Amino acid sequence: MTGARPGDPTAHGGGGIAGFTVLYDAYCPVCRTARGWLEARDQLVPLSFVPAGSARARLLFPGLDHAATLRDITVVADTGEVYVGDGAWLACLWALADYRALADRLARPDLLPVARRIVKTASALRERYREPYYGGDDERSECADDRCG
């Protein structure tokens, strides 16, 4: 990466974050749209996407509460950090070439409440438009999303 500053977590050999895995709700049209938008942007930190609650997610991250990942977007850094909710959205923006400065601004104490309201609104839309799960390719175990019994 040209122009990387010393201490930049994305610098080659900097020992920082080299990639994020985004656990997203594959049954949510809002989440799928967000995934497409993120994938279409230039990434400073590569984003990979895995359906939340899937067998692959459970294999990759056995220590996570996978029912919780179905309720809130979750981002896992290759360094082990886990970001949930507004932190996850900010991590995704921070990974993008044209949105890192915005992520840094939104993470400031005076603007973080605004970011939280935006994430809360997105979560409400997700719940409203989420498609029912009837089985199939998702490989989620029964009741993985805590909606039964």
Protein backbone atom coordinates (compact mmCIF):
# COMPACT_ATOMS: atom_id res chain seq x y z
CA MET A 1 0.00 0.00 0.00
CA THR A 2 1.55 3.29 -0.98
CA GLY A 3 1.53 6.17 1.42
CA ALA A 4 0.87 4.05 4.49
CA ARG A 5 1.74 5.87 7.68
CA PRO A 6 3.77 4.21 10.42
CA GLY A 7 1.30 2.80 12.89
CA ASP A 8 -1.41 2.56 10.23
CA PRO A 9 -3.25 -0.70 11.07
CA THR A 10 -3.61 -1.46 7.36
CA ALA A 11 0.07 -1.00 6.54
CA HIS A 12 1.90 -4.02 5.15
CA GLY A 13 3.78 -5.65 7.96
CA GLY A 14 2.12 -3.32 10.45
CA GLY A 15 0.66 -6.22 12.39
CA GLY A 16 -2.78 -4.64 12.24
CA ILE A 17 -6.07 -5.66 10.72
CA ALA A 18 -5.67 -7.29 7.31
CA GLY A 19 -9.27 -8.36 6.81
CA PHE A 20 -12.79 -8.38 8.22
CA THR A 21 -15.43 -11.09 8.08
CA VAL A 22 -18.93 -9.62 8.05
CA LEU A 23 -21.63 -11.90 9.46
CA TYR A 24 -24.85 -10.66 7.88
CA ASP A 25 -28.46 -11.84 7.77
CA ALA A 26 -28.80 -13.50 4.36
CA TYR A 27 -32.61 -13.50 4.76
CA CYS A 28 -32.84 -9.74 5.08
CA PRO A 29 -33.20 -7.69 1.88
CA VAL A 30 -31.72 -4.63 3.62
CA CYS A 31 -28.68 -6.67 4.70
CA ARG A 32 -28.20 -8.13 1.23
CA THR A 33 -28.38 -4.65 -0.28
CA ALA A 34 -25.83 -3.38 2.24
CA ARG A 35 -23.56 -6.30 1.37
CA GLY A 36 -23.77 -5.47 -2.34
CA TRP A 37 -23.03 -1.82 -1.63
CA LEU A 38 -20.00 -2.68 0.52
CA GLU A 39 -18.67 -5.18 -2.04
CA ALA A 40 -18.91 -2.60 -4.83
CA ARG A 41 -16.66 -0.11 -3.00
CA ASP A 42 -12.86 0.05 -3.05
CA GLN A 43 -11.66 -1.63 0.12
CA LEU A 44 -8.56 -0.71 2.11
CA VAL A 45 -9.25 -3.71 4.33
CA PRO A 46 -10.79 -6.70 2.50
CA LEU A 47 -14.31 -7.61 3.56
CA SER A 48 -15.54 -11.18 3.29
CA PHE A 49 -19.19 -12.02 3.89
CA VAL A 50 -20.60 -15.07 5.64
CA PRO A 51 -24.29 -15.66 6.41
CA ALA A 52 -24.88 -15.27 10.14
CA GLY A 53 -25.88 -18.47 11.89
CA SER A 54 -24.69 -20.65 9.01
CA ALA A 55 -22.62 -23.79 9.40
CA ARG A 56 -19.67 -21.89 7.91
CA ALA A 57 -20.02 -19.09 10.46
CA ARG A 58 -20.13 -21.64 13.29
CA LEU A 59 -17.04 -23.38 11.93
CA LEU A 60 -15.07 -20.15 11.49
CA PHE A 61 -16.09 -18.63 14.83
CA PRO A 62 -17.07 -21.37 17.29
CA GLY A 63 -16.83 -19.02 20.29
CA LEU A 64 -19.42 -16.51 19.04
CA ASP A 65 -23.02 -16.37 20.17
CA HIS A 66 -24.48 -17.18 16.76
CA ALA A 67 -28.04 -16.42 17.79
CA ALA A 68 -26.85 -12.89 18.61
CA THR A 69 -25.18 -12.55 15.19
CA LEU A 70 -28.62 -13.06 13.66
CA ARG A 71 -29.98 -10.13 15.67
CA ASP A 72 -27.13 -7.65 15.06
CA ILE A 73 -24.57 -7.28 12.31
CA THR A 74 -21.28 -8.66 13.57
CA VAL A 75 -17.82 -8.05 12.13
CA VAL A 76 -14.81 -10.13 13.12
CA ALA A 77 -11.31 -8.84 12.41
CA ASP A 78 -8.59 -11.29 11.48
CA THR A 79 -6.87 -10.14 14.68
CA GLY A 80 -9.77 -11.46 16.77
CA GLU A 81 -11.62 -8.24 17.61
CA VAL A 82 -15.40 -8.53 17.35
CA TYR A 83 -17.57 -5.54 16.50
CA VAL A 84 -21.36 -5.57 16.91
CA GLY A 85 -24.10 -3.11 15.92
CA ASP A 86 -22.86 0.43 15.40
CA GLY A 87 -19.25 -0.68 15.92
CA ALA A 88 -19.69 -3.24 13.13
CA TRP A 89 -21.12 -0.67 10.74
CA LEU A 90 -18.30 1.73 11.55
CA ALA A 91 -15.74 -1.05 11.00
CA CYS A 92 -17.24 -1.71 7.56
CA LEU A 93 -17.10 1.99 6.64
CA TRP A 94 -13.55 2.21 8.01
CA ALA A 95 -12.54 -0.63 5.68
CA LEU A 96 -13.63 1.36 2.60
CA ALA A 97 -11.26 3.69 0.77
CA ASP A 98 -13.74 6.54 0.35
CA TYR A 99 -15.48 6.20 3.74
CA ARG A 100 -12.69 5.84 6.31
CA ALA A 101 -12.75 9.54 7.18
CA LEU A 102 -16.53 9.38 7.64
CA ALA A 103 -16.16 6.36 9.94
CA ASP A 104 -13.57 8.23 11.98
CA ARG A 105 -15.89 11.25 12.28
CA LEU A 106 -18.95 9.15 13.20
CA ALA A 107 -16.93 7.36 15.90
CA ARG A 108 -16.26 10.64 17.73
CA PRO A 109 -18.19 11.01 20.99
CA ASP A 110 -20.25 13.94 19.68
CA LEU A 111 -21.40 12.05 16.55
CA LEU A 112 -21.58 8.48 17.86
CA PRO A 113 -25.19 8.96 19.04
CA VAL A 114 -26.13 9.87 15.45
CA ALA A 115 -24.42 6.71 14.17
CA ARG A 116 -26.27 4.67 16.79
CA ARG A 117 -29.64 6.11 15.69
CA ILE A 118 -28.84 5.26 12.06
CA VAL A 119 -27.94 1.69 13.01
CA LYS A 120 -31.08 1.39 15.16
CA THR A 121 -33.19 2.51 12.19
CA ALA A 122 -31.47 0.01 9.90
CA SER A 123 -32.09 -2.74 12.46
CA ALA A 124 -35.78 -1.83 12.65
CA LEU A 125 -36.02 -2.02 8.85
CA ARG A 126 -34.24 -5.37 8.93
CA GLU A 127 -36.80 -6.79 11.37
CA ARG A 128 -39.67 -5.44 9.31
CA TYR A 129 -38.52 -6.83 5.96
CA ARG A 130 -36.68 -9.99 6.99
CA GLU A 131 -37.80 -13.00 4.97
CA PRO A 132 -38.98 -16.06 6.90
CA TYR A 133 -36.61 -19.00 7.07
CA TYR A 134 -38.17 -22.21 5.78
CA GLY A 135 -35.05 -24.35 5.56
CA GLY A 136 -32.69 -24.84 2.69
CA ASP A 137 -29.21 -23.72 1.79
CA ASP A 138 -28.63 -21.67 4.93
CA GLU A 139 -27.69 -24.73 7.01
CA ARG A 140 -28.79 -23.00 10.21
CA SER A 141 -29.70 -25.37 12.94
CA GLU A 142 -33.31 -25.30 14.05
CA CYS A 143 -33.98 -22.34 16.34
CA ALA A 144 -30.55 -20.80 15.67
CA ASP A 145 -32.12 -17.37 15.75
CA ASP A 146 -33.85 -17.81 19.14
CA ARG A 147 -37.30 -17.41 17.60
CA CYS A 148 -38.70 -20.74 18.70
CA GLY A 149 -39.58 -22.22 22.08
